[in-house]
């Protein structure tokens, strides 16, 4: 990483890593419920511009630091979880970057501007 991440990014990445560790240890399904909010936090805080690493790489590294043995023995599952997180992050990124005209054509603001009346 070339730049230091801000505390909000660090906290979101740490929380994601903790939730992935819990999932690997079968200690709950909080990851499913909280992942979207945390990924959106990363997106809105500018993770894609402030880090040279992908979300998947960052989270995977933190998971290995936090729950090393479990992560090592369940590496396939860890890769699957972080890959899914990365796909969700990229999907959010695409959705946030769409301009309104891509979804539908512009519409008149009110009825009088839509007619010749």
C-alpha atoms as a PDB file:
ATOM      1  CA  UNK A   1       0.000   0.000   0.000  1.00  0.00           C
ATOM      2  CA  UNK A   2       1.466   3.329  -1.000  1.00  0.00           C
ATOM      3  CA  UNK A   3      -0.839   5.510   1.068  1.00  0.00           C
ATOM      4  CA  UNK A   4      -2.019   5.206   4.628  1.00  0.00           C
ATOM      5  CA  UNK A   5      -5.742   4.500   4.874  1.00  0.00           C
ATOM      6  CA  UNK A   6      -7.990   6.733   6.942  1.00  0.00           C
ATOM      7  CA  UNK A   7      -9.495   5.421  10.195  1.00  0.00           C
ATOM      8  CA  UNK A   8     -12.926   4.841   8.623  1.00  0.00           C
ATOM      9  CA  UNK A   9     -11.435   2.606   5.916  1.00  0.00           C
ATOM     10  CA  UNK A  10      -9.289   0.777   8.461  1.00  0.00           C
ATOM     11  CA  UNK A  11     -12.302   0.156  10.692  1.00  0.00           C
ATOM     12  CA  UNK A  12     -14.470  -1.145   7.829  1.00  0.00           C
ATOM     13  CA  UNK A  13     -11.691  -3.475   6.625  1.00  0.00           C
ATOM     14  CA  UNK A  14     -11.101  -4.720  10.186  1.00  0.00           C
ATOM     15  CA  UNK A  15     -14.815  -5.369  10.694  1.00  0.00           C
ATOM     16  CA  UNK A  16     -15.031  -7.270   7.409  1.00  0.00           C
ATOM     17  CA  UNK A  17     -11.997  -9.349   8.408  1.00  0.00           C
ATOM     18  CA  UNK A  18     -13.554 -10.108  11.813  1.00  0.00           C
ATOM     19  CA  UNK A  19     -16.816 -11.147  10.170  1.00  0.00           C
ATOM     20  CA  UNK A  20     -15.003 -13.394   7.689  1.00  0.00           C
ATOM     21  CA  UNK A  21     -13.112 -14.995  10.610  1.00  0.00           C
ATOM     22  CA  UNK A  22     -16.422 -15.636  12.353  1.00  0.00           C
ATOM     23  CA  UNK A  23     -17.811 -17.201   9.179  1.00  0.00           C
ATOM     24  CA  UNK A  24     -14.760 -19.445   8.825  1.00  0.00           C
ATOM     25  CA  UNK A  25     -15.200 -20.579  12.429  1.00  0.00           C
ATOM     26  CA  UNK A  26     -18.965 -21.066  11.896  1.00  0.00           C
ATOM     27  CA  UNK A  27     -19.706 -18.563  14.667  1.00  0.00           C
ATOM     28  CA  UNK A  28     -22.582 -16.726  13.027  1.00  0.00           C
ATOM     29  CA  UNK A  29     -23.913 -15.226   9.868  1.00  0.00           C
ATOM     30  CA  UNK A  30     -23.255 -11.557  10.631  1.00  0.00           C
ATOM     31  CA  UNK A  31     -21.185 -11.301   7.444  1.00  0.00           C
ATOM     32  CA  UNK A  32     -24.308 -11.801   5.334  1.00  0.00           C
ATOM     33  CA  UNK A  33     -26.189  -9.090   7.213  1.00  0.00           C
ATOM     34  CA  UNK A  34     -23.424  -6.489   7.470  1.00  0.00           C
ATOM     35  CA  UNK A  35     -21.294  -6.921   4.338  1.00  0.00           C
ATOM     36  CA  UNK A  36     -23.269  -4.543   2.108  1.00  0.00           C
ATOM     37  CA  UNK A  37     -23.045  -1.664   4.572  1.00  0.00           C
ATOM     38  CA  UNK A  38     -19.333  -2.166   5.139  1.00  0.00           C
ATOM     39  CA  UNK A  39     -18.597  -2.464   1.422  1.00  0.00           C
ATOM     40  CA  UNK A  40     -20.582   0.703   0.782  1.00  0.00           C
ATOM     41  CA  UNK A  41     -18.530   2.444   3.489  1.00  0.00           C
ATOM     42  CA  UNK A  42     -15.351   1.359   1.698  1.00  0.00           C
ATOM     43  CA  UNK A  43     -16.709   2.623  -1.602  1.00  0.00           C
ATOM     44  CA  UNK A  44     -17.902   5.970  -0.263  1.00  0.00           C
ATOM     45  CA  UNK A  45     -14.650   6.492   1.651  1.00  0.00           C
ATOM     46  CA  UNK A  46     -12.666   6.103  -1.556  1.00  0.00           C
ATOM     47  CA  UNK A  47     -10.945   2.750  -0.993  1.00  0.00           C
ATOM     48  CA  UNK A  48     -10.449   2.259  -4.731  1.00  0.00           C
ATOM     49  CA  UNK A  49      -8.334   5.453  -4.925  1.00  0.00           C
ATOM     50  CA  UNK A  50      -6.554   5.250  -1.584  1.00  0.00           C
ATOM     51  CA  UNK A  51      -5.291   1.702  -1.740  1.00  0.00           C
ATOM     52  CA  UNK A  52      -3.083  -0.141  -4.199  1.00  0.00           C
ATOM     53  CA  UNK A  53      -4.623  -3.434  -3.043  1.00  0.00           C
ATOM     54  CA  UNK A  54      -8.077  -4.766  -3.853  1.00  0.00           C
ATOM     55  CA  UNK A  55     -10.683  -5.187  -1.127  1.00  0.00           C
ATOM     56  CA  UNK A  56     -10.239  -8.957  -1.457  1.00  0.00           C
ATOM     57  CA  UNK A  57      -6.483  -8.766  -0.910  1.00  0.00           C
ATOM     58  CA  UNK A  58      -6.812  -6.404   2.058  1.00  0.00           C
ATOM     59  CA  UNK A  59      -9.476  -8.473   3.807  1.00  0.00           C
ATOM     60  CA  UNK A  60      -7.712 -11.771   3.109  1.00  0.00           C
ATOM     61  CA  UNK A  61      -4.452 -10.463   4.583  1.00  0.00           C
ATOM     62  CA  UNK A  62      -6.239  -9.205   7.702  1.00  0.00           C
ATOM     63  CA  UNK A  63      -8.129 -12.493   8.124  1.00  0.00           C
ATOM     64  CA  UNK A  64      -4.858 -14.440   7.984  1.00  0.00           C
ATOM     65  CA  UNK A  65      -3.410 -12.117  10.637  1.00  0.00           C
ATOM     66  CA  UNK A  66      -6.454 -12.486  12.924  1.00  0.00           C
ATOM     67  CA  UNK A  67      -7.313 -16.163  12.626  1.00  0.00           C
ATOM     68  CA  UNK A  68      -4.226 -17.692  11.059  1.00  0.00           C
ATOM     69  CA  UNK A  69      -4.747 -21.414  11.719  1.00  0.00           C
ATOM     70  CA  UNK A  70      -8.405 -21.375  10.753  1.00  0.00           C
ATOM     71  CA  UNK A  71      -7.689 -19.308   7.636  1.00  0.00           C
ATOM     72  CA  UNK A  72      -4.826 -21.594   6.665  1.00  0.00           C
ATOM     73  CA  UNK A  73      -6.866 -24.792   7.050  1.00  0.00           C
ATOM     74  CA  UNK A  74      -9.889 -23.310   5.298  1.00  0.00           C
ATOM     75  CA  UNK A  75      -8.064 -21.373   2.587  1.00  0.00           C
ATOM     76  CA  UNK A  76     -10.502 -22.424  -0.148  1.00  0.00           C
ATOM     77  CA  UNK A  77     -13.459 -21.118   1.820  1.00  0.00           C
ATOM     78  CA  UNK A  78     -11.562 -17.920   2.644  1.00  0.00           C
ATOM     79  CA  UNK A  79     -10.854 -17.363  -1.045  1.00  0.00           C
ATOM     80  CA  UNK A  80     -14.511 -17.983  -1.908  1.00  0.00           C
ATOM     81  CA  UNK A  81     -15.724 -15.528   0.757  1.00  0.00           C
ATOM     82  CA  UNK A  82     -13.295 -12.785  -0.204  1.00  0.00           C
ATOM     83  CA  UNK A  83     -13.998 -13.325  -3.897  1.00  0.00           C
ATOM     84  CA  UNK A  84     -17.716 -12.886  -3.248  1.00  0.00           C
ATOM     85  CA  UNK A  85     -16.971  -9.704  -1.272  1.00  0.00           C
ATOM     86  CA  UNK A  86     -14.857  -8.409  -4.137  1.00  0.00           C
ATOM     87  CA  UNK A  87     -17.639  -9.099  -6.646  1.00  0.00           C
ATOM     88  CA  UNK A  88     -20.161  -7.282  -4.458  1.00  0.00           C
ATOM     89  CA  UNK A  89     -17.781  -4.339  -4.082  1.00  0.00           C
ATOM     90  CA  UNK A  90     -17.279  -4.137  -7.856  1.00  0.00           C
ATOM     91  CA  UNK A  91     -21.037  -4.360  -8.400  1.00  0.00           C
ATOM     92  CA  UNK A  92     -21.609  -1.500  -5.941  1.00  0.00           C
ATOM     93  CA  UNK A  93     -18.886   0.472  -7.690  1.00  0.00           C
ATOM     94  CA  UNK A  94     -20.575   0.042 -11.073  1.00  0.00           C
ATOM     95  CA  UNK A  95     -24.005   0.882  -9.670  1.00  0.00           C
ATOM     96  CA  UNK A  96     -22.750   4.050  -7.965  1.00  0.00           C
ATOM     97  CA  UNK A  97     -20.926   5.243 -11.072  1.00  0.00           C
ATOM     98  CA  UNK A  98     -23.928   4.939 -13.407  1.00  0.00           C
ATOM     99  CA  UNK A  99     -25.425   8.188 -14.551  1.00  0.00           C
ATOM    100  CA  UNK A 100     -29.206   8.468 -14.473  1.00  0.00           C
ATOM    101  CA  UNK A 101     -29.357   8.530 -18.282  1.00  0.00           C
ATOM    102  CA  UNK A 102     -27.989   4.993 -18.427  1.00  0.00           C
ATOM    103  CA  UNK A 103     -31.031   3.626 -16.588  1.00  0.00           C
ATOM    104  CA  UNK A 104     -33.762   5.553 -18.342  1.00  0.00           C
ATOM    105  CA  UNK A 105     -34.224   8.552 -20.595  1.00  0.00           C
ATOM    106  CA  UNK A 106     -34.692  11.963 -19.005  1.00  0.00           C
ATOM    107  CA  UNK A 107     -38.282  12.806 -18.162  1.00  0.00           C
ATOM    108  CA  UNK A 108     -39.991  16.190 -18.024  1.00  0.00           C
ATOM    109  CA  UNK A 109     -40.098  17.803 -14.608  1.00  0.00           C
ATOM    110  CA  UNK A 110     -43.816  18.498 -14.767  1.00  0.00           C
ATOM    111  CA  UNK A 111     -46.826  18.138 -17.071  1.00  0.00           C
ATOM    112  CA  UNK A 112     -46.624  21.615 -18.603  1.00  0.00           C
ATOM    113  CA  UNK A 113     -43.078  21.041 -19.773  1.00  0.00           C
ATOM    114  CA  UNK A 114     -44.111  17.748 -21.339  1.00  0.00           C
ATOM    115  CA  UNK A 115     -46.908  19.214 -23.442  1.00  0.00           C
ATOM    116  CA  UNK A 116     -47.382  22.188 -25.713  1.00  0.00           C
ATOM    117  CA  UNK A 117     -50.121  23.588 -23.512  1.00  0.00           C
END
